[in-house]
Amino acid sequence: MSLICLKKMKVLLLNGSPRPGGNTATLLAEAASQLAKHGIDSERFDIGAAPVRGCIACGQCHAGHLGRCVFDDDVCNALIAKMAECDAIIVGSPVYYGQPAGQVLSV
């Protein structure tokens, strides 16, 4: 007899909009609702208007086998931790001048 352990799937909903109750948040809420109908957990992570440091290619995340940025003054490391807990990611962003919000491009 073999035991099969099924882990419940979890999806991270990344909200790149600076408006927490805006259209992007509304669309991510609908995605969460549809996921829940299928028994899939989800969690929303708001980047919003938080500053995001650009990568300076120092390599310390790899050299020290940290798996995180050595600079801890923005949302990047918190996002990395959330991503590690999830099986899938849905990125939501408003489109400004033909591309996603700058915070989304930076993380």
N, C-alpha and C. Protein backbone atom coordinates (compact mmCIF):
# COMPACT_ATOMS: atom_id res chain seq x y z
N MET A 1 0.85 -1.17 0.00
CA MET A 1 0.00 0.00 0.00
C MET A 1 0.89 1.24 0.00
N SER A 2 0.61 2.16 -0.89
CA SER A 2 1.39 3.40 -0.94
C SER A 2 0.51 4.57 -0.56
N LEU A 3 1.12 5.49 0.11
CA LEU A 3 0.43 6.72 0.50
C LEU A 3 0.81 7.84 -0.45
N ILE A 4 -0.17 8.54 -0.90
CA ILE A 4 0.08 9.68 -1.77
C ILE A 4 -0.25 10.94 -0.99
N CYS A 5 0.72 11.80 -0.87
CA CYS A 5 0.51 13.06 -0.16
C CYS A 5 0.37 14.16 -1.20
N LEU A 6 -0.79 14.74 -1.24
CA LEU A 6 -1.03 15.81 -2.20
C LEU A 6 -0.97 17.15 -1.48
N LYS A 7 -0.08 18.00 -1.94
CA LYS A 7 0.04 19.34 -1.39
C LYS A 7 -0.98 20.23 -2.08
N LYS A 8 -1.66 21.05 -1.31
CA LYS A 8 -2.60 21.98 -1.90
C LYS A 8 -1.83 23.07 -2.65
N MET A 9 -2.26 23.34 -3.86
CA MET A 9 -1.59 24.33 -4.70
C MET A 9 -1.85 25.74 -4.17
N LYS A 10 -0.83 26.58 -4.30
CA LYS A 10 -0.94 27.97 -3.88
C LYS A 10 -0.40 28.87 -4.99
N VAL A 11 -1.14 29.94 -5.27
CA VAL A 11 -0.76 30.89 -6.33
C VAL A 11 -0.54 32.26 -5.70
N LEU A 12 0.55 32.89 -6.07
CA LEU A 12 0.85 34.24 -5.63
C LEU A 12 0.30 35.22 -6.67
N LEU A 13 -0.49 36.17 -6.22
CA LEU A 13 -1.06 37.20 -7.10
C LEU A 13 -0.29 38.48 -6.84
N LEU A 14 0.53 38.87 -7.78
CA LEU A 14 1.39 40.03 -7.63
C LEU A 14 0.69 41.26 -8.20
N ASN A 15 0.39 42.21 -7.32
CA ASN A 15 -0.29 43.43 -7.73
C ASN A 15 0.73 44.55 -7.89
N GLY A 16 1.00 44.93 -9.13
CA GLY A 16 1.98 45.96 -9.42
C GLY A 16 1.39 47.35 -9.53
N SER A 17 0.13 47.51 -9.16
CA SER A 17 -0.51 48.81 -9.27
C SER A 17 -0.32 49.62 -7.99
N PRO A 18 -0.10 50.93 -8.13
CA PRO A 18 -0.03 51.77 -6.95
C PRO A 18 -1.40 52.03 -6.32
N ARG A 19 -2.46 51.60 -6.97
CA ARG A 19 -3.82 51.79 -6.45
C ARG A 19 -4.33 50.46 -5.88
N PRO A 20 -4.32 50.30 -4.56
CA PRO A 20 -4.69 49.02 -3.95
C PRO A 20 -6.11 48.56 -4.28
N GLY A 21 -7.02 49.46 -4.56
CA GLY A 21 -8.40 49.09 -4.88
C GLY A 21 -8.75 49.35 -6.33
N GLY A 22 -7.75 49.46 -7.18
CA GLY A 22 -7.98 49.81 -8.59
C GLY A 22 -8.36 48.63 -9.46
N ASN A 23 -8.29 48.84 -10.76
CA ASN A 23 -8.67 47.82 -11.73
C ASN A 23 -7.81 46.56 -11.64
N THR A 24 -6.52 46.73 -11.45
CA THR A 24 -5.64 45.57 -11.37
C THR A 24 -6.00 44.72 -10.15
N ALA A 25 -6.24 45.37 -9.02
CA ALA A 25 -6.64 44.63 -7.81
C ALA A 25 -7.97 43.92 -8.03
N THR A 26 -8.89 44.56 -8.74
CA THR A 26 -10.19 43.95 -9.04
C THR A 26 -10.01 42.70 -9.89
N LEU A 27 -9.17 42.79 -10.91
CA LEU A 27 -8.92 41.63 -11.77
C LEU A 27 -8.23 40.50 -11.01
N LEU A 28 -7.29 40.84 -10.13
CA LEU A 28 -6.62 39.81 -9.34
C LEU A 28 -7.60 39.17 -8.35
N ALA A 29 -8.53 39.95 -7.82
CA ALA A 29 -9.56 39.39 -6.93
C ALA A 29 -10.43 38.40 -7.69
N GLU A 30 -10.74 38.70 -8.93
CA GLU A 30 -11.52 37.76 -9.75
C GLU A 30 -10.71 36.49 -10.02
N ALA A 31 -9.43 36.64 -10.28
CA ALA A 31 -8.58 35.46 -10.48
C ALA A 31 -8.55 34.61 -9.21
N ALA A 32 -8.44 35.26 -8.04
CA ALA A 32 -8.46 34.54 -6.77
C ALA A 32 -9.77 33.80 -6.56
N SER A 33 -10.86 34.43 -6.95
CA SER A 33 -12.18 33.80 -6.84
C SER A 33 -12.27 32.55 -7.71
N GLN A 34 -11.78 32.64 -8.92
CA GLN A 34 -11.81 31.49 -9.83
C GLN A 34 -10.88 30.37 -9.34
N LEU A 35 -9.74 30.74 -8.82
CA LEU A 35 -8.82 29.74 -8.26
C LEU A 35 -9.46 29.03 -7.08
N ALA A 36 -10.13 29.80 -6.22
CA ALA A 36 -10.78 29.22 -5.04
C ALA A 36 -11.86 28.21 -5.44
N LYS A 37 -12.55 28.48 -6.53
CA LYS A 37 -13.58 27.55 -7.01
C LYS A 37 -12.99 26.18 -7.34
N HIS A 38 -11.71 26.16 -7.65
CA HIS A 38 -11.04 24.91 -7.99
C HIS A 38 -10.17 24.39 -6.85
N GLY A 39 -10.37 24.97 -5.67
CA GLY A 39 -9.65 24.50 -4.49
C GLY A 39 -8.20 24.94 -4.42
N ILE A 40 -7.87 26.01 -5.10
CA ILE A 40 -6.50 26.50 -5.13
C ILE A 40 -6.40 27.75 -4.25
N ASP A 41 -5.49 27.73 -3.30
CA ASP A 41 -5.26 28.89 -2.44
C ASP A 41 -4.51 29.97 -3.20
N SER A 42 -4.73 31.21 -2.79
CA SER A 42 -3.99 32.31 -3.39
C SER A 42 -3.71 33.36 -2.34
N GLU A 43 -2.69 34.15 -2.60
CA GLU A 43 -2.33 35.26 -1.72
C GLU A 43 -1.90 36.42 -2.58
N ARG A 44 -2.41 37.61 -2.26
CA ARG A 44 -2.06 38.80 -3.03
C ARG A 44 -0.89 39.51 -2.36
N PHE A 45 0.06 39.93 -3.16
CA PHE A 45 1.22 40.69 -2.70
C PHE A 45 1.21 42.01 -3.45
N ASP A 46 1.09 43.10 -2.72
CA ASP A 46 1.03 44.43 -3.32
C ASP A 46 2.41 45.08 -3.36
N ILE A 47 2.88 45.36 -4.55
CA ILE A 47 4.12 46.14 -4.68
C ILE A 47 3.74 47.61 -4.57
N GLY A 48 2.69 47.98 -5.29
CA GLY A 48 2.17 49.33 -5.22
C GLY A 48 3.18 50.40 -5.52
N ALA A 49 3.20 51.41 -4.70
CA ALA A 49 4.09 52.55 -4.90
C ALA A 49 5.38 52.39 -4.10
N ALA A 50 5.62 51.20 -3.54
CA ALA A 50 6.83 50.98 -2.76
C ALA A 50 8.07 51.11 -3.64
N PRO A 51 9.12 51.72 -3.13
CA PRO A 51 10.34 51.83 -3.93
C PRO A 51 10.98 50.46 -4.13
N VAL A 52 11.51 50.24 -5.32
CA VAL A 52 12.20 48.99 -5.64
C VAL A 52 13.59 49.35 -6.13
N ARG A 53 14.57 48.84 -5.43
CA ARG A 53 15.97 49.11 -5.79
C ARG A 53 16.32 48.34 -7.05
N GLY A 54 17.02 48.96 -7.95
CA GLY A 54 17.49 48.28 -9.14
C GLY A 54 18.69 47.39 -8.80
N CYS A 55 18.85 46.32 -9.52
CA CYS A 55 19.97 45.41 -9.32
C CYS A 55 21.26 46.10 -9.77
N ILE A 56 22.31 46.00 -8.94
CA ILE A 56 23.60 46.57 -9.30
C ILE A 56 24.59 45.49 -9.74
N ALA A 57 24.10 44.28 -9.92
CA ALA A 57 24.90 43.15 -10.41
C ALA A 57 26.13 42.89 -9.55
N CYS A 58 25.98 43.00 -8.23
CA CYS A 58 27.11 42.75 -7.33
C CYS A 58 27.41 41.26 -7.20
N GLY A 59 26.40 40.42 -7.49
CA GLY A 59 26.61 38.98 -7.46
C GLY A 59 26.58 38.34 -6.10
N GLN A 60 26.34 39.12 -5.05
CA GLN A 60 26.36 38.56 -3.70
C GLN A 60 25.22 37.57 -3.44
N CYS A 61 24.12 37.72 -4.16
CA CYS A 61 23.01 36.78 -3.99
C CYS A 61 23.43 35.37 -4.42
N HIS A 62 24.31 35.28 -5.42
CA HIS A 62 24.79 33.98 -5.90
C HIS A 62 26.06 33.55 -5.18
N ALA A 63 27.00 34.47 -5.02
CA ALA A 63 28.29 34.13 -4.42
C ALA A 63 28.13 33.62 -2.99
N GLY A 64 27.25 34.25 -2.25
CA GLY A 64 27.02 33.84 -0.87
C GLY A 64 25.93 32.80 -0.73
N HIS A 65 25.40 32.33 -1.87
CA HIS A 65 24.30 31.34 -1.87
C HIS A 65 23.15 31.80 -0.98
N LEU A 66 22.87 33.09 -1.04
CA LEU A 66 21.84 33.67 -0.19
C LEU A 66 20.43 33.41 -0.71
N GLY A 67 20.28 33.45 -2.03
CA GLY A 67 18.95 33.33 -2.60
C GLY A 67 18.11 34.57 -2.35
N ARG A 68 18.76 35.64 -2.01
CA ARG A 68 18.09 36.92 -1.75
C ARG A 68 19.09 38.04 -1.98
N CYS A 69 18.56 39.24 -2.08
CA CYS A 69 19.40 40.41 -2.29
C CYS A 69 20.05 40.83 -0.97
N VAL A 70 21.30 41.27 -1.04
CA VAL A 70 21.99 41.72 0.17
C VAL A 70 21.43 43.05 0.66
N PHE A 71 20.82 43.81 -0.24
CA PHE A 71 20.18 45.05 0.17
C PHE A 71 18.76 44.71 0.64
N ASP A 72 18.43 45.16 1.81
CA ASP A 72 17.13 44.79 2.39
C ASP A 72 16.28 46.02 2.66
N ASP A 73 16.30 46.96 1.73
CA ASP A 73 15.57 48.20 1.96
C ASP A 73 14.42 48.41 0.98
N ASP A 74 13.95 47.31 0.37
CA ASP A 74 12.77 47.40 -0.50
C ASP A 74 11.97 46.11 -0.37
N VAL A 75 10.99 45.92 -1.26
CA VAL A 75 10.08 44.78 -1.15
C VAL A 75 10.62 43.51 -1.80
N CYS A 76 11.77 43.59 -2.43
CA CYS A 76 12.29 42.45 -3.21
C CYS A 76 12.44 41.18 -2.38
N ASN A 77 13.10 41.24 -1.23
CA ASN A 77 13.32 40.03 -0.43
C ASN A 77 12.02 39.47 0.14
N ALA A 78 11.10 40.33 0.50
CA ALA A 78 9.79 39.85 0.97
C ALA A 78 9.07 39.12 -0.17
N LEU A 79 9.19 39.65 -1.37
CA LEU A 79 8.58 39.01 -2.53
C LEU A 79 9.24 37.67 -2.84
N ILE A 80 10.56 37.61 -2.75
CA ILE A 80 11.27 36.36 -2.99
C ILE A 80 10.79 35.28 -2.02
N ALA A 81 10.61 35.64 -0.75
CA ALA A 81 10.15 34.69 0.25
C ALA A 81 8.75 34.18 -0.09
N LYS A 82 7.86 35.08 -0.52
CA LYS A 82 6.51 34.68 -0.90
C LYS A 82 6.52 33.79 -2.13
N MET A 83 7.39 34.11 -3.09
CA MET A 83 7.47 33.31 -4.31
C MET A 83 7.92 31.88 -4.01
N ALA A 84 8.81 31.73 -3.03
CA ALA A 84 9.32 30.41 -2.68
C ALA A 84 8.23 29.52 -2.09
N GLU A 85 7.19 30.13 -1.51
CA GLU A 85 6.09 29.38 -0.90
C GLU A 85 5.04 28.95 -1.91
N CYS A 86 5.10 29.46 -3.13
CA CYS A 86 4.01 29.28 -4.08
C CYS A 86 4.39 28.36 -5.24
N ASP A 87 3.34 27.83 -5.87
CA ASP A 87 3.52 26.95 -7.01
C ASP A 87 3.38 27.69 -8.34
N ALA A 88 2.74 28.83 -8.32
CA ALA A 88 2.53 29.62 -9.54
C ALA A 88 2.40 31.09 -9.16
N ILE A 89 2.61 31.94 -10.14
CA ILE A 89 2.54 33.38 -9.93
C ILE A 89 1.70 33.99 -11.05
N ILE A 90 0.79 34.86 -10.67
CA ILE A 90 0.04 35.66 -11.63
C ILE A 90 0.45 37.12 -11.39
N VAL A 91 0.98 37.76 -12.42
CA VAL A 91 1.43 39.14 -12.30
C VAL A 91 0.37 40.05 -12.89
N GLY A 92 -0.09 40.99 -12.08
CA GLY A 92 -1.04 41.99 -12.54
C GLY A 92 -0.39 43.36 -12.50
N SER A 93 -0.55 44.11 -13.58
CA SER A 93 0.05 45.43 -13.65
C SER A 93 -0.76 46.32 -14.56
N PRO A 94 -0.88 47.59 -14.19
CA PRO A 94 -1.44 48.53 -15.16
C PRO A 94 -0.42 48.70 -16.28
N VAL A 95 -0.88 49.15 -17.42
CA VAL A 95 0.01 49.37 -18.55
C VAL A 95 0.16 50.88 -18.73
N TYR A 96 1.40 51.33 -18.60
CA TYR A 96 1.72 52.74 -18.78
C TYR A 96 2.63 52.88 -19.99
N TYR A 97 2.22 53.64 -20.97
CA TYR A 97 3.02 53.88 -22.17
C TYR A 97 3.49 52.57 -22.81
N GLY A 98 2.59 51.59 -22.87
CA GLY A 98 2.87 50.35 -23.58
C GLY A 98 3.69 49.32 -22.82
N GLN A 99 3.90 49.52 -21.54
CA GLN A 99 4.64 48.53 -20.76
C GLN A 99 4.11 48.47 -19.33
N PRO A 100 4.43 47.38 -18.59
CA PRO A 100 3.96 47.29 -17.20
C PRO A 100 4.55 48.40 -16.33
N ALA A 101 3.97 48.58 -15.16
CA ALA A 101 4.46 49.58 -14.22
C ALA A 101 5.92 49.34 -13.89
N GLY A 102 6.66 50.39 -13.64
CA GLY A 102 8.09 50.30 -13.39
C GLY A 102 8.45 49.38 -12.24
N GLN A 103 7.64 49.35 -11.17
CA GLN A 103 7.94 48.48 -10.03
C GLN A 103 7.92 47.02 -10.44
N VAL A 104 6.99 46.65 -11.32
CA VAL A 104 6.89 45.27 -11.79
C VAL A 104 8.12 44.90 -12.61
N LEU A 105 8.57 45.81 -13.45
CA LEU A 105 9.75 45.54 -14.26
C LEU A 105 11.01 45.43 -13.42
N SER A 106 11.01 46.07 -12.25
CA SER A 106 12.20 46.09 -11.40
C SER A 106 12.36 44.86 -10.53
N VAL A 107 11.25 44.16 -10.26
CA VAL A 107 11.38 43.00 -9.36
C VAL A 107 11.62 41.73 -10.07
